[in-house]
Amino acid sequence: MQPCAPHRDAPRAASLRLDKRLLVCVALGAALSIGLLSSALTMQDAAAPNGGLITLYEHDDVASSFAFRTGNHGGRIVDGQIELVDAQLVYGSFATGLLSFGFAADEAVNVVDLGPSEVEFVSSAQDAALKFPISALHTMGASGRRLTFQPANGSQVRLGVGNAVFDVPKRGLQHIEAQIDHCYVIRFQRTRGDRRDMLAKFQVVEHRPGESITLRWANIGAL
C-alpha cells in the first residue's frame, strides 16, 4: 500500500483561512477607528458651544460677528449680502472699534459690563506652584435672577454687580466700548423659533482698536 502523498491544496487552504482572518482583523480595525473618530468628533461638536476663545475681525464680513448658541462666527453670505440672524455680537461693522448688539429684529439682547472682576487667591504651605488672581468669569454663574461666583476655597456667593442684565432688554442697535480685562454678561432671547431665555458671559482678553477683539466666552445657560 502506497503511503498517502501530501495534499497539495492544504497550504492553499491554510493561506485562504489566514487571509480571511487578516481581512476580518483589518475590517474590525477600520470600524474601530471610524467609531473612535466619530466619537471624538461628536465630543468636539458637543463641547463647542460651551466656551473658549474667539477673535472677531472688524474688516472681515463673516468673522466680525459671534453667535453664542453655536460658538462660531455668526455671519453668513446669503443672496449676495450678509446675514446676522444667528449672531448676538458684532465688532466694528456698525461702529468702528465698538461691540454692537441688538441688530436682529427677532431677538432681544442685553449686555452689562461687570468691570475687571477678580478673585483673589489663597496661599498655603502645600502649594506646588505660585498663584495669581483670576477673573471671576471662570466661576461665574446664575442662581435664579442673581449672578454668582465662587471665591477661592469657598462656595458660590452673589456677585455684587451685573444684575441689570435681568432687566427687560432695550430694543434696537446699541454699542459698547469694550475694555481689556472687563467681564460682561449677555442675555438674549428670540421672539420666534428657539425662545429660550439665554445667559452667557465673556471677557475681553485682547483688543486692537479698529482691527480685532479677542474674547474668552462661555454660556451660563437658560434662565
N, C-alpha and C. Protein backbone atom coordinates (compact mmCIF):
# COMPACT_ATOMS: atom_id res chain seq x y z
N MET A 1 0.86 -1.19 0.00
CA MET A 1 0.00 0.00 0.00
C MET A 1 0.89 1.23 0.00
N GLN A 2 0.64 2.11 -0.94
CA GLN A 2 1.47 3.31 -1.09
C GLN A 2 1.11 4.32 -0.01
N PRO A 3 2.13 4.93 0.58
CA PRO A 3 1.82 5.99 1.54
C PRO A 3 1.09 7.13 0.88
N CYS A 4 0.26 7.77 1.66
CA CYS A 4 -0.52 8.89 1.12
C CYS A 4 0.41 10.05 0.80
N ALA A 5 0.23 10.60 -0.37
CA ALA A 5 1.02 11.79 -0.75
C ALA A 5 0.43 13.02 -0.06
N PRO A 6 1.25 13.98 0.26
CA PRO A 6 0.73 15.21 0.88
C PRO A 6 -0.30 15.88 -0.03
N HIS A 7 -1.36 16.41 0.61
CA HIS A 7 -2.42 17.10 -0.16
C HIS A 7 -1.90 18.46 -0.60
N ARG A 8 -1.81 18.65 -1.91
CA ARG A 8 -1.23 19.88 -2.42
C ARG A 8 -2.06 21.11 -2.12
N ASP A 9 -3.38 20.93 -1.87
CA ASP A 9 -4.25 22.09 -1.61
C ASP A 9 -4.23 22.52 -0.15
N ALA A 10 -3.59 21.73 0.73
CA ALA A 10 -3.60 22.07 2.16
C ALA A 10 -2.95 23.42 2.45
N PRO A 11 -1.74 23.71 1.93
CA PRO A 11 -1.16 25.04 2.18
C PRO A 11 -2.03 26.16 1.65
N ARG A 12 -2.65 25.91 0.49
CA ARG A 12 -3.52 26.95 -0.09
C ARG A 12 -4.72 27.22 0.79
N ALA A 13 -5.32 26.13 1.33
CA ALA A 13 -6.48 26.30 2.22
C ALA A 13 -6.10 27.06 3.47
N ALA A 14 -4.93 26.70 4.03
CA ALA A 14 -4.45 27.40 5.23
C ALA A 14 -4.22 28.87 4.94
N SER A 15 -3.65 29.13 3.74
CA SER A 15 -3.40 30.51 3.34
C SER A 15 -4.70 31.29 3.21
N LEU A 16 -5.73 30.63 2.65
CA LEU A 16 -7.02 31.30 2.50
C LEU A 16 -7.63 31.62 3.85
N ARG A 17 -7.50 30.64 4.81
CA ARG A 17 -8.03 30.89 6.14
C ARG A 17 -7.30 32.07 6.80
N LEU A 18 -5.98 32.14 6.59
CA LEU A 18 -5.18 33.23 7.15
C LEU A 18 -5.58 34.56 6.53
N ASP A 19 -5.78 34.53 5.19
CA ASP A 19 -6.18 35.76 4.51
C ASP A 19 -7.53 36.25 5.02
N LYS A 20 -8.46 35.32 5.25
CA LYS A 20 -9.78 35.71 5.75
C LYS A 20 -9.68 36.32 7.14
N ARG A 21 -8.85 35.68 7.97
CA ARG A 21 -8.67 36.23 9.32
C ARG A 21 -8.06 37.63 9.27
N LEU A 22 -7.09 37.80 8.36
CA LEU A 22 -6.46 39.11 8.22
C LEU A 22 -7.46 40.16 7.78
N LEU A 23 -8.31 39.76 6.82
CA LEU A 23 -9.33 40.70 6.34
C LEU A 23 -10.30 41.08 7.45
N VAL A 24 -10.67 40.08 8.27
CA VAL A 24 -11.58 40.35 9.38
C VAL A 24 -10.93 41.31 10.36
N CYS A 25 -9.63 41.09 10.66
CA CYS A 25 -8.91 41.98 11.58
C CYS A 25 -8.83 43.39 11.03
N VAL A 26 -8.53 43.51 9.72
CA VAL A 26 -8.45 44.83 9.09
C VAL A 26 -9.80 45.53 9.15
N ALA A 27 -10.87 44.77 8.86
CA ALA A 27 -12.22 45.36 8.87
C ALA A 27 -12.59 45.83 10.28
N LEU A 28 -12.28 44.99 11.29
CA LEU A 28 -12.59 45.37 12.67
C LEU A 28 -11.79 46.60 13.09
N GLY A 29 -10.51 46.64 12.66
CA GLY A 29 -9.68 47.79 12.99
C GLY A 29 -10.20 49.06 12.35
N ALA A 30 -10.64 48.96 11.09
CA ALA A 30 -11.18 50.13 10.40
C ALA A 30 -12.46 50.60 11.07
N ALA A 31 -13.32 49.63 11.44
CA ALA A 31 -14.58 50.00 12.11
C ALA A 31 -14.31 50.68 13.44
N LEU A 32 -13.33 50.13 14.18
CA LEU A 32 -12.99 50.73 15.47
C LEU A 32 -12.45 52.14 15.29
N SER A 33 -11.59 52.33 14.28
CA SER A 33 -11.02 53.66 14.02
C SER A 33 -12.09 54.66 13.66
N ILE A 34 -13.03 54.22 12.80
CA ILE A 34 -14.13 55.11 12.40
C ILE A 34 -15.00 55.45 13.60
N GLY A 35 -15.25 54.42 14.45
CA GLY A 35 -16.06 54.66 15.65
C GLY A 35 -15.40 55.65 16.58
N LEU A 36 -14.08 55.48 16.80
CA LEU A 36 -13.36 56.41 17.68
C LEU A 36 -13.34 57.81 17.11
N LEU A 37 -13.13 57.91 15.77
CA LEU A 37 -13.12 59.23 15.13
C LEU A 37 -14.47 59.89 15.24
N SER A 38 -15.54 59.09 14.98
CA SER A 38 -16.89 59.64 15.10
C SER A 38 -17.17 60.10 16.52
N SER A 39 -16.72 59.29 17.51
CA SER A 39 -16.92 59.65 18.91
C SER A 39 -16.18 60.93 19.25
N ALA A 40 -14.94 61.06 18.75
CA ALA A 40 -14.14 62.25 19.04
C ALA A 40 -14.78 63.48 18.43
N LEU A 41 -15.27 63.34 17.17
CA LEU A 41 -15.92 64.48 16.53
C LEU A 41 -17.18 64.88 17.27
N THR A 42 -17.94 63.87 17.74
CA THR A 42 -19.16 64.15 18.48
C THR A 42 -18.84 64.90 19.76
N MET A 43 -17.76 64.47 20.47
CA MET A 43 -17.37 65.13 21.69
C MET A 43 -16.96 66.57 21.41
N GLN A 44 -16.21 66.79 20.30
CA GLN A 44 -15.79 68.14 19.95
C GLN A 44 -17.01 69.01 19.63
N ASP A 45 -17.93 68.44 18.85
CA ASP A 45 -19.12 69.20 18.48
C ASP A 45 -19.93 69.55 19.72
N ALA A 46 -20.04 68.59 20.66
CA ALA A 46 -20.82 68.82 21.87
C ALA A 46 -20.17 69.87 22.74
N ALA A 47 -18.81 69.91 22.71
CA ALA A 47 -18.09 70.84 23.58
C ALA A 47 -18.03 72.24 22.99
N ALA A 48 -18.22 72.36 21.67
CA ALA A 48 -18.03 73.64 21.00
C ALA A 48 -18.84 74.79 21.60
N PRO A 49 -20.15 74.62 21.90
CA PRO A 49 -20.93 75.74 22.41
C PRO A 49 -20.66 76.10 23.87
N ASN A 50 -19.80 75.36 24.56
CA ASN A 50 -19.63 75.56 25.99
C ASN A 50 -18.67 76.69 26.36
N GLY A 51 -17.81 77.09 25.46
CA GLY A 51 -16.91 78.19 25.74
C GLY A 51 -15.55 78.04 25.10
N GLY A 52 -14.75 79.12 25.21
CA GLY A 52 -13.42 79.12 24.62
C GLY A 52 -12.99 80.53 24.28
N LEU A 53 -12.07 80.64 23.33
CA LEU A 53 -11.58 81.92 22.84
C LEU A 53 -12.09 82.15 21.42
N ILE A 54 -12.48 83.37 21.12
CA ILE A 54 -12.93 83.73 19.78
C ILE A 54 -12.39 85.12 19.44
N THR A 55 -11.89 85.29 18.23
CA THR A 55 -11.42 86.59 17.77
C THR A 55 -12.35 87.10 16.69
N LEU A 56 -12.82 88.32 16.85
CA LEU A 56 -13.67 88.97 15.86
C LEU A 56 -12.85 90.01 15.11
N TYR A 57 -12.99 90.02 13.80
CA TYR A 57 -12.18 90.89 12.95
C TYR A 57 -13.06 91.96 12.30
N GLU A 58 -12.71 93.21 12.56
CA GLU A 58 -13.54 94.31 12.07
C GLU A 58 -13.66 94.32 10.56
N HIS A 59 -12.60 93.94 9.85
CA HIS A 59 -12.60 94.06 8.39
C HIS A 59 -12.90 92.74 7.69
N ASP A 60 -13.46 91.79 8.41
CA ASP A 60 -13.91 90.54 7.80
C ASP A 60 -15.43 90.45 7.96
N ASP A 61 -16.13 90.44 6.85
CA ASP A 61 -17.59 90.49 6.89
C ASP A 61 -18.21 89.31 7.65
N VAL A 62 -17.62 88.12 7.50
CA VAL A 62 -18.17 86.93 8.13
C VAL A 62 -17.68 86.77 9.56
N ALA A 63 -16.40 87.08 9.80
CA ALA A 63 -15.78 86.83 11.10
C ALA A 63 -15.80 88.04 12.03
N SER A 64 -16.61 89.04 11.72
CA SER A 64 -16.73 90.19 12.63
C SER A 64 -17.80 89.96 13.69
N SER A 65 -18.55 88.88 13.56
CA SER A 65 -19.68 88.64 14.47
C SER A 65 -19.51 87.31 15.19
N PHE A 66 -20.31 87.13 16.26
CA PHE A 66 -20.23 85.92 17.07
C PHE A 66 -21.60 85.45 17.51
N ALA A 67 -21.81 84.12 17.42
CA ALA A 67 -23.07 83.51 17.84
C ALA A 67 -22.82 82.62 19.05
N PHE A 68 -23.38 82.98 20.20
CA PHE A 68 -23.18 82.22 21.42
C PHE A 68 -23.82 80.84 21.35
N ARG A 69 -24.90 80.70 20.61
CA ARG A 69 -25.59 79.40 20.55
C ARG A 69 -24.74 78.34 19.86
N THR A 70 -23.95 78.73 18.87
CA THR A 70 -23.14 77.78 18.12
C THR A 70 -21.67 77.81 18.52
N GLY A 71 -21.24 78.90 19.13
CA GLY A 71 -19.83 79.05 19.47
C GLY A 71 -18.96 79.39 18.28
N ASN A 72 -19.56 79.91 17.20
CA ASN A 72 -18.84 80.23 15.98
C ASN A 72 -19.11 81.67 15.54
N HIS A 73 -18.35 82.11 14.53
CA HIS A 73 -18.65 83.41 13.92
C HIS A 73 -20.07 83.36 13.37
N GLY A 74 -20.77 84.49 13.45
CA GLY A 74 -22.20 84.47 13.17
C GLY A 74 -22.64 84.98 11.82
N GLY A 75 -21.71 85.40 10.97
CA GLY A 75 -22.09 85.95 9.68
C GLY A 75 -22.24 84.89 8.60
N ARG A 76 -23.22 85.08 7.72
CA ARG A 76 -23.41 84.20 6.57
C ARG A 76 -23.70 85.05 5.34
N ILE A 77 -23.14 84.63 4.21
CA ILE A 77 -23.42 85.32 2.95
C ILE A 77 -24.60 84.61 2.27
N VAL A 78 -25.69 85.32 2.12
CA VAL A 78 -26.90 84.77 1.50
C VAL A 78 -27.40 85.77 0.46
N ASP A 79 -27.57 85.28 -0.76
CA ASP A 79 -28.05 86.13 -1.87
C ASP A 79 -27.22 87.40 -2.02
N GLY A 80 -25.91 87.24 -1.87
CA GLY A 80 -25.01 88.35 -2.11
C GLY A 80 -24.94 89.39 -1.02
N GLN A 81 -25.45 89.06 0.18
CA GLN A 81 -25.38 90.02 1.28
C GLN A 81 -25.20 89.28 2.61
N ILE A 82 -24.80 90.02 3.63
CA ILE A 82 -24.52 89.40 4.92
C ILE A 82 -25.78 89.20 5.73
N GLU A 83 -25.88 88.04 6.37
CA GLU A 83 -26.98 87.75 7.29
C GLU A 83 -26.40 87.53 8.68
N LEU A 84 -26.99 88.16 9.70
CA LEU A 84 -26.51 88.07 11.07
C LEU A 84 -27.58 87.50 12.00
N VAL A 85 -28.46 86.67 11.46
CA VAL A 85 -29.60 86.19 12.24
C VAL A 85 -29.17 85.27 13.38
N ASP A 86 -27.98 84.66 13.30
CA ASP A 86 -27.52 83.76 14.35
C ASP A 86 -26.65 84.46 15.39
N ALA A 87 -26.17 85.67 15.08
CA ALA A 87 -25.19 86.35 15.93
C ALA A 87 -25.85 87.22 16.99
N GLN A 88 -25.11 87.41 18.10
CA GLN A 88 -25.55 88.35 19.15
C GLN A 88 -24.60 89.54 19.28
N LEU A 89 -23.34 89.36 18.87
CA LEU A 89 -22.35 90.44 18.95
C LEU A 89 -21.71 90.66 17.59
N VAL A 90 -21.40 91.91 17.29
CA VAL A 90 -20.64 92.27 16.09
C VAL A 90 -19.59 93.29 16.48
N TYR A 91 -18.37 93.10 15.97
CA TYR A 91 -17.30 94.04 16.28
C TYR A 91 -16.97 94.90 15.06
N GLY A 92 -17.13 96.22 15.22
CA GLY A 92 -16.65 97.18 14.24
C GLY A 92 -17.47 97.38 12.99
N SER A 93 -18.42 96.51 12.71
CA SER A 93 -19.16 96.62 11.45
C SER A 93 -20.19 97.74 11.46
N PHE A 94 -20.78 98.01 12.62
CA PHE A 94 -21.76 99.09 12.74
C PHE A 94 -21.15 100.36 13.34
N ALA A 95 -20.08 100.20 14.11
CA ALA A 95 -19.39 101.34 14.73
C ALA A 95 -17.93 100.94 14.94
N THR A 96 -17.02 101.66 14.34
CA THR A 96 -15.60 101.29 14.38
C THR A 96 -15.08 101.14 15.80
N GLY A 97 -14.46 100.00 16.06
CA GLY A 97 -13.84 99.75 17.35
C GLY A 97 -14.79 99.43 18.48
N LEU A 98 -16.08 99.30 18.18
CA LEU A 98 -17.08 99.05 19.23
C LEU A 98 -17.76 97.70 19.03
N LEU A 99 -18.21 97.12 20.14
CA LEU A 99 -19.05 95.92 20.07
C LEU A 99 -20.50 96.36 19.97
N SER A 100 -21.22 95.78 19.03
CA SER A 100 -22.62 96.14 18.81
C SER A 100 -23.52 94.93 19.08
N PHE A 101 -24.74 95.22 19.54
CA PHE A 101 -25.73 94.17 19.77
C PHE A 101 -27.11 94.77 19.56
N GLY A 102 -28.13 93.91 19.50
CA GLY A 102 -29.50 94.38 19.27
C GLY A 102 -29.81 94.65 17.81
N PHE A 103 -29.06 94.04 16.90
CA PHE A 103 -29.23 94.30 15.46
C PHE A 103 -30.22 93.34 14.81
N ALA A 104 -30.60 92.25 15.50
CA ALA A 104 -31.56 91.29 14.93
C ALA A 104 -32.99 91.68 15.32
N ALA A 105 -33.87 91.71 14.34
CA ALA A 105 -35.24 92.16 14.59
C ALA A 105 -36.02 91.21 15.49
N ASP A 106 -35.65 89.91 15.48
CA ASP A 106 -36.43 88.93 16.25
C ASP A 106 -35.71 88.45 17.50
N GLU A 107 -34.73 89.22 18.01
CA GLU A 107 -34.02 88.81 19.21
C GLU A 107 -33.72 90.02 20.10
N ALA A 108 -34.11 89.91 21.37
CA ALA A 108 -33.80 90.95 22.35
C ALA A 108 -32.49 90.60 23.03
N VAL A 109 -31.58 91.59 23.15
CA VAL A 109 -30.26 91.36 23.72
C VAL A 109 -29.94 92.44 24.74
N ASN A 110 -29.34 92.02 25.85
CA ASN A 110 -28.92 92.96 26.89
C ASN A 110 -27.49 92.60 27.30
N VAL A 111 -26.60 93.60 27.39
CA VAL A 111 -25.20 93.39 27.77
C VAL A 111 -24.87 94.31 28.94
N VAL A 112 -24.22 93.77 29.98
CA VAL A 112 -23.86 94.56 31.15
C VAL A 112 -22.37 94.37 31.43
N ASP A 113 -21.68 95.49 31.64
CA ASP A 113 -20.25 95.49 31.97
C ASP A 113 -20.08 95.28 33.47
N LEU A 114 -19.35 94.24 33.86
CA LEU A 114 -19.10 93.95 35.27
C LEU A 114 -17.79 94.54 35.76
N GLY A 115 -17.01 95.12 34.85
CA GLY A 115 -15.72 95.65 35.24
C GLY A 115 -14.68 94.54 35.33
N PRO A 116 -13.47 94.87 35.81
CA PRO A 116 -12.40 93.87 35.93
C PRO A 116 -12.55 93.04 37.20
N SER A 117 -13.53 92.15 37.21
CA SER A 117 -13.86 91.36 38.41
C SER A 117 -12.82 90.26 38.62
N GLU A 118 -12.06 90.36 39.72
CA GLU A 118 -11.03 89.36 40.01
C GLU A 118 -11.33 88.60 41.30
N VAL A 119 -10.85 87.37 41.35
CA VAL A 119 -10.96 86.54 42.54
C VAL A 119 -9.56 86.36 43.11
N GLU A 120 -9.34 86.80 44.33
CA GLU A 120 -8.03 86.67 44.96
C GLU A 120 -7.73 85.21 45.30
N PHE A 121 -6.46 84.88 45.28
CA PHE A 121 -6.06 83.51 45.59
C PHE A 121 -5.79 83.36 47.08
N VAL A 122 -5.76 82.10 47.53
CA VAL A 122 -5.44 81.78 48.91
C VAL A 122 -4.19 80.90 48.90
N SER A 123 -3.11 81.37 49.53
CA SER A 123 -1.86 80.60 49.55
C SER A 123 -1.85 79.65 50.74
N SER A 124 -1.13 78.55 50.55
CA SER A 124 -0.93 77.61 51.65
C SER A 124 0.45 76.99 51.51
N ALA A 125 0.93 76.41 52.60
CA ALA A 125 2.27 75.81 52.60
C ALA A 125 2.35 74.61 51.66
N GLN A 126 1.21 74.02 51.31
CA GLN A 126 1.20 72.83 50.46
C GLN A 126 1.17 73.16 48.97
N ASP A 127 1.12 74.46 48.61
CA ASP A 127 1.05 74.84 47.20
C ASP A 127 2.28 74.35 46.44
N ALA A 128 2.06 73.72 45.30
CA ALA A 128 3.16 73.23 44.48
C ALA A 128 3.69 74.30 43.53
N ALA A 129 2.96 75.40 43.39
CA ALA A 129 3.39 76.48 42.50
C ALA A 129 2.77 77.79 42.97
N LEU A 130 3.34 78.90 42.49
CA LEU A 130 2.80 80.20 42.83
C LEU A 130 1.43 80.38 42.19
N LYS A 131 0.62 81.23 42.76
CA LYS A 131 -0.72 81.51 42.26
C LYS A 131 -0.85 82.99 41.93
N PHE A 132 -1.91 83.32 41.24
CA PHE A 132 -2.21 84.72 40.94
C PHE A 132 -3.72 84.89 40.89
N PRO A 133 -4.23 86.12 41.05
CA PRO A 133 -5.69 86.34 40.98
C PRO A 133 -6.22 85.95 39.61
N ILE A 134 -7.42 85.41 39.56
CA ILE A 134 -8.05 85.04 38.29
C ILE A 134 -9.35 85.82 38.12
N SER A 135 -9.82 85.85 36.91
CA SER A 135 -11.07 86.52 36.60
C SER A 135 -12.25 85.76 37.19
N ALA A 136 -13.22 86.51 37.66
CA ALA A 136 -14.45 85.89 38.17
C ALA A 136 -15.22 85.18 37.07
N LEU A 137 -14.84 85.45 35.82
CA LEU A 137 -15.52 84.83 34.68
C LEU A 137 -15.54 83.31 34.80
N HIS A 138 -14.44 82.73 35.29
CA HIS A 138 -14.29 81.27 35.27
C HIS A 138 -15.31 80.55 36.15
N THR A 139 -15.74 81.18 37.21
CA THR A 139 -16.69 80.52 38.12
C THR A 139 -18.05 81.23 38.17
N MET A 140 -18.23 82.20 37.29
CA MET A 140 -19.47 82.97 37.30
C MET A 140 -20.65 82.12 36.83
N GLY A 141 -21.76 82.24 37.54
CA GLY A 141 -22.97 81.53 37.17
C GLY A 141 -24.19 82.36 37.53
N ALA A 142 -25.32 81.72 37.61
CA ALA A 142 -26.55 82.41 37.98
C ALA A 142 -27.39 81.52 38.86
N SER A 143 -27.98 82.12 39.87
CA SER A 143 -28.91 81.43 40.76
C SER A 143 -30.20 82.23 40.76
N GLY A 144 -31.21 81.66 40.12
CA GLY A 144 -32.43 82.44 39.93
C GLY A 144 -32.11 83.63 39.03
N ARG A 145 -32.37 84.81 39.53
CA ARG A 145 -32.02 86.02 38.78
C ARG A 145 -30.95 86.82 39.52
N ARG A 146 -29.97 86.09 40.02
CA ARG A 146 -28.82 86.70 40.67
C ARG A 146 -27.55 86.08 40.10
N LEU A 147 -26.58 86.92 39.78
CA LEU A 147 -25.30 86.42 39.33
C LEU A 147 -24.48 85.97 40.53
N THR A 148 -23.73 84.89 40.36
CA THR A 148 -22.91 84.37 41.44
C THR A 148 -21.49 84.09 40.92
N PHE A 149 -20.55 83.93 41.86
CA PHE A 149 -19.22 83.46 41.52
C PHE A 149 -18.67 82.71 42.72
N GLN A 150 -17.60 81.97 42.51
CA GLN A 150 -17.01 81.18 43.58
C GLN A 150 -15.67 81.78 44.01
N PRO A 151 -15.55 82.29 45.23
CA PRO A 151 -14.26 82.77 45.73
C PRO A 151 -13.34 81.60 46.02
N ALA A 152 -12.06 81.89 46.22
CA ALA A 152 -11.09 80.83 46.48
C ALA A 152 -11.48 80.02 47.71
N ASN A 153 -11.50 78.70 47.54
CA ASN A 153 -11.80 77.77 48.65
C ASN A 153 -13.15 78.05 49.30
N GLY A 154 -14.09 78.57 48.54
CA GLY A 154 -15.39 78.89 49.11
C GLY A 154 -16.52 78.38 48.24
N SER A 155 -17.74 78.61 48.69
CA SER A 155 -18.92 78.21 47.92
C SER A 155 -19.43 79.42 47.13
N GLN A 156 -20.37 79.17 46.23
CA GLN A 156 -20.90 80.23 45.38
C GLN A 156 -21.52 81.35 46.23
N VAL A 157 -21.19 82.60 45.87
CA VAL A 157 -21.78 83.76 46.54
C VAL A 157 -22.30 84.71 45.47
N ARG A 158 -23.16 85.60 45.89
CA ARG A 158 -23.73 86.56 44.94
C ARG A 158 -22.69 87.57 44.49
N LEU A 159 -22.73 87.86 43.20
CA LEU A 159 -21.88 88.90 42.65
C LEU A 159 -22.59 90.23 42.86
N GLY A 160 -21.85 91.22 43.36
CA GLY A 160 -22.49 92.48 43.75
C GLY A 160 -22.93 93.37 42.61
N VAL A 161 -22.52 93.06 41.38
CA VAL A 161 -22.87 93.90 40.22
C VAL A 161 -23.43 93.03 39.11
N GLY A 162 -24.02 93.69 38.11
CA GLY A 162 -24.41 92.98 36.90
C GLY A 162 -25.83 92.50 36.84
N ASN A 163 -26.61 92.65 37.92
CA ASN A 163 -27.96 92.12 37.90
C ASN A 163 -28.91 92.90 36.98
N ALA A 164 -28.42 94.04 36.46
CA ALA A 164 -29.22 94.80 35.49
C ALA A 164 -29.44 93.99 34.21
N VAL A 165 -28.63 92.93 34.01
CA VAL A 165 -28.80 92.11 32.82
C VAL A 165 -30.16 91.42 32.81
N PHE A 166 -30.78 91.30 33.99
CA PHE A 166 -32.08 90.65 34.08
C PHE A 166 -33.23 91.62 33.81
N ASP A 167 -32.92 92.90 33.63
CA ASP A 167 -33.95 93.88 33.27
C ASP A 167 -34.46 93.58 31.86
N VAL A 168 -35.61 94.13 31.52
CA VAL A 168 -36.16 93.95 30.17
C VAL A 168 -35.20 94.59 29.16
N PRO A 169 -34.70 93.83 28.19
CA PRO A 169 -33.74 94.38 27.23
C PRO A 169 -34.35 95.50 26.39
N LYS A 170 -33.51 96.49 26.07
CA LYS A 170 -33.95 97.55 25.18
C LYS A 170 -33.93 97.04 23.75
N ARG A 171 -34.81 97.57 22.94
CA ARG A 171 -34.86 97.20 21.53
C ARG A 171 -33.98 98.13 20.72
N GLY A 172 -33.46 97.60 19.61
CA GLY A 172 -32.69 98.43 18.70
C GLY A 172 -31.19 98.28 18.88
N LEU A 173 -30.44 98.80 17.92
CA LEU A 173 -28.99 98.68 17.88
C LEU A 173 -28.33 99.49 18.99
N GLN A 174 -27.40 98.85 19.72
CA GLN A 174 -26.65 99.51 20.78
C GLN A 174 -25.17 99.16 20.66
N HIS A 175 -24.31 99.99 21.27
CA HIS A 175 -22.87 99.79 21.18
C HIS A 175 -22.24 99.93 22.55
N ILE A 176 -21.13 99.22 22.76
CA ILE A 176 -20.33 99.41 23.97
C ILE A 176 -18.86 99.46 23.56
N GLU A 177 -18.08 100.23 24.31
CA GLU A 177 -16.64 100.27 24.10
C GLU A 177 -16.00 99.26 25.04
N ALA A 178 -15.60 98.13 24.48
CA ALA A 178 -15.09 97.03 25.29
C ALA A 178 -13.75 97.39 25.93
N GLN A 179 -13.58 96.99 27.18
CA GLN A 179 -12.37 97.29 27.93
C GLN A 179 -11.60 96.01 28.23
N ILE A 180 -10.26 96.08 28.08
CA ILE A 180 -9.41 94.94 28.39
C ILE A 180 -9.63 94.48 29.83
N ASP A 181 -9.72 93.18 30.05
CA ASP A 181 -9.88 92.52 31.34
C ASP A 181 -11.29 92.63 31.92
N HIS A 182 -12.15 93.45 31.34
CA HIS A 182 -13.51 93.57 31.86
C HIS A 182 -14.31 92.32 31.52
N CYS A 183 -15.18 91.94 32.45
CA CYS A 183 -16.11 90.84 32.23
C CYS A 183 -17.49 91.41 31.88
N TYR A 184 -18.21 90.70 31.05
CA TYR A 184 -19.54 91.13 30.62
C TYR A 184 -20.50 89.94 30.71
N VAL A 185 -21.74 90.23 31.00
CA VAL A 185 -22.79 89.22 30.89
C VAL A 185 -23.74 89.66 29.78
N ILE A 186 -24.22 88.69 29.03
CA ILE A 186 -25.12 88.98 27.92
C ILE A 186 -26.33 88.06 28.01
N ARG A 187 -27.50 88.65 27.87
CA ARG A 187 -28.76 87.91 27.89
C ARG A 187 -29.42 88.08 26.52
N PHE A 188 -29.90 86.98 25.97
CA PHE A 188 -30.52 87.07 24.64
C PHE A 188 -31.68 86.09 24.53
N GLN A 189 -32.73 86.53 23.85
CA GLN A 189 -33.94 85.71 23.69
C GLN A 189 -34.63 86.06 22.39
N ARG A 190 -34.91 85.03 21.60
CA ARG A 190 -35.62 85.23 20.34
C ARG A 190 -37.12 85.35 20.58
N THR A 191 -37.79 86.02 19.66
CA THR A 191 -39.23 86.16 19.75
C THR A 191 -39.95 85.09 18.94
N ARG A 192 -39.18 84.25 18.23
CA ARG A 192 -39.75 83.13 17.49
C ARG A 192 -38.69 82.04 17.37
N GLY A 193 -39.13 80.83 17.01
CA GLY A 193 -38.18 79.72 16.94
C GLY A 193 -37.77 79.28 18.33
N ASP A 194 -36.46 79.17 18.55
CA ASP A 194 -35.92 78.81 19.86
C ASP A 194 -36.05 80.01 20.80
N ARG A 195 -37.06 79.98 21.67
CA ARG A 195 -37.36 81.14 22.52
C ARG A 195 -36.77 81.04 23.92
N ARG A 196 -35.79 80.17 24.11
CA ARG A 196 -35.17 80.07 25.44
C ARG A 196 -34.50 81.39 25.81
N ASP A 197 -34.66 81.77 27.07
CA ASP A 197 -34.04 82.98 27.62
C ASP A 197 -32.63 82.60 28.05
N MET A 198 -31.61 83.00 27.28
CA MET A 198 -30.25 82.52 27.47
C MET A 198 -29.36 83.57 28.13
N LEU A 199 -28.39 83.07 28.92
CA LEU A 199 -27.42 83.92 29.60
C LEU A 199 -26.02 83.40 29.28
N ALA A 200 -25.11 84.32 28.96
CA ALA A 200 -23.72 83.96 28.67
C ALA A 200 -22.80 85.02 29.26
N LYS A 201 -21.50 84.75 29.20
CA LYS A 201 -20.52 85.67 29.77
C LYS A 201 -19.30 85.73 28.85
N PHE A 202 -18.60 86.86 28.90
CA PHE A 202 -17.36 86.96 28.13
C PHE A 202 -16.43 87.99 28.76
N GLN A 203 -15.15 87.84 28.47
CA GLN A 203 -14.12 88.75 28.97
C GLN A 203 -13.27 89.18 27.79
N VAL A 204 -12.88 90.44 27.76
CA VAL A 204 -12.01 90.95 26.70
C VAL A 204 -10.57 90.65 27.09
N VAL A 205 -9.89 89.80 26.32
CA VAL A 205 -8.51 89.44 26.63
C VAL A 205 -7.50 90.14 25.72
N GLU A 206 -7.95 90.64 24.59
CA GLU A 206 -7.08 91.42 23.71
C GLU A 206 -7.93 92.30 22.82
N HIS A 207 -7.48 93.52 22.61
CA HIS A 207 -8.23 94.45 21.77
C HIS A 207 -7.27 95.30 20.96
N ARG A 208 -7.38 95.22 19.66
CA ARG A 208 -6.63 96.05 18.74
C ARG A 208 -7.65 96.95 18.05
N PRO A 209 -7.88 98.14 18.62
CA PRO A 209 -8.95 99.01 18.11
C PRO A 209 -8.88 99.19 16.60
N GLY A 210 -10.03 99.02 15.98
CA GLY A 210 -10.12 99.16 14.53
C GLY A 210 -9.67 97.94 13.76
N GLU A 211 -9.18 96.90 14.48
CA GLU A 211 -8.71 95.69 13.81
C GLU A 211 -9.42 94.44 14.30
N SER A 212 -9.25 94.12 15.60
CA SER A 212 -9.82 92.87 16.11
C SER A 212 -10.01 92.93 17.61
N ILE A 213 -10.81 92.00 18.11
CA ILE A 213 -11.01 91.86 19.54
C ILE A 213 -11.12 90.36 19.85
N THR A 214 -10.45 89.93 20.92
CA THR A 214 -10.48 88.52 21.32
C THR A 214 -11.21 88.39 22.64
N LEU A 215 -12.14 87.47 22.68
CA LEU A 215 -12.99 87.27 23.86
C LEU A 215 -12.82 85.84 24.39
N ARG A 216 -12.76 85.73 25.72
CA ARG A 216 -12.97 84.42 26.34
C ARG A 216 -14.43 84.37 26.75
N TRP A 217 -15.14 83.36 26.31
CA TRP A 217 -16.58 83.34 26.49
C TRP A 217 -17.04 81.98 27.02
N ALA A 218 -18.24 81.97 27.56
CA ALA A 218 -18.88 80.72 27.99
C ALA A 218 -20.37 80.96 28.14
N ASN A 219 -21.15 79.95 27.82
CA ASN A 219 -22.59 80.03 28.05
C ASN A 219 -22.88 79.65 29.49
N ILE A 220 -23.72 80.42 30.16
CA ILE A 220 -24.16 80.10 31.51
C ILE A 220 -25.37 79.17 31.46
N GLY A 221 -26.27 79.41 30.51
CA GLY A 221 -27.40 78.52 30.33
C GLY A 221 -28.72 79.26 30.22
N ALA A 222 -29.80 78.50 30.18
CA ALA A 222 -31.14 79.07 30.05
C ALA A 222 -31.65 79.50 31.43
N LEU A 223 -32.37 80.61 31.46
CA LEU A 223 -32.94 81.10 32.71
C LEU A 223 -34.28 80.40 32.99
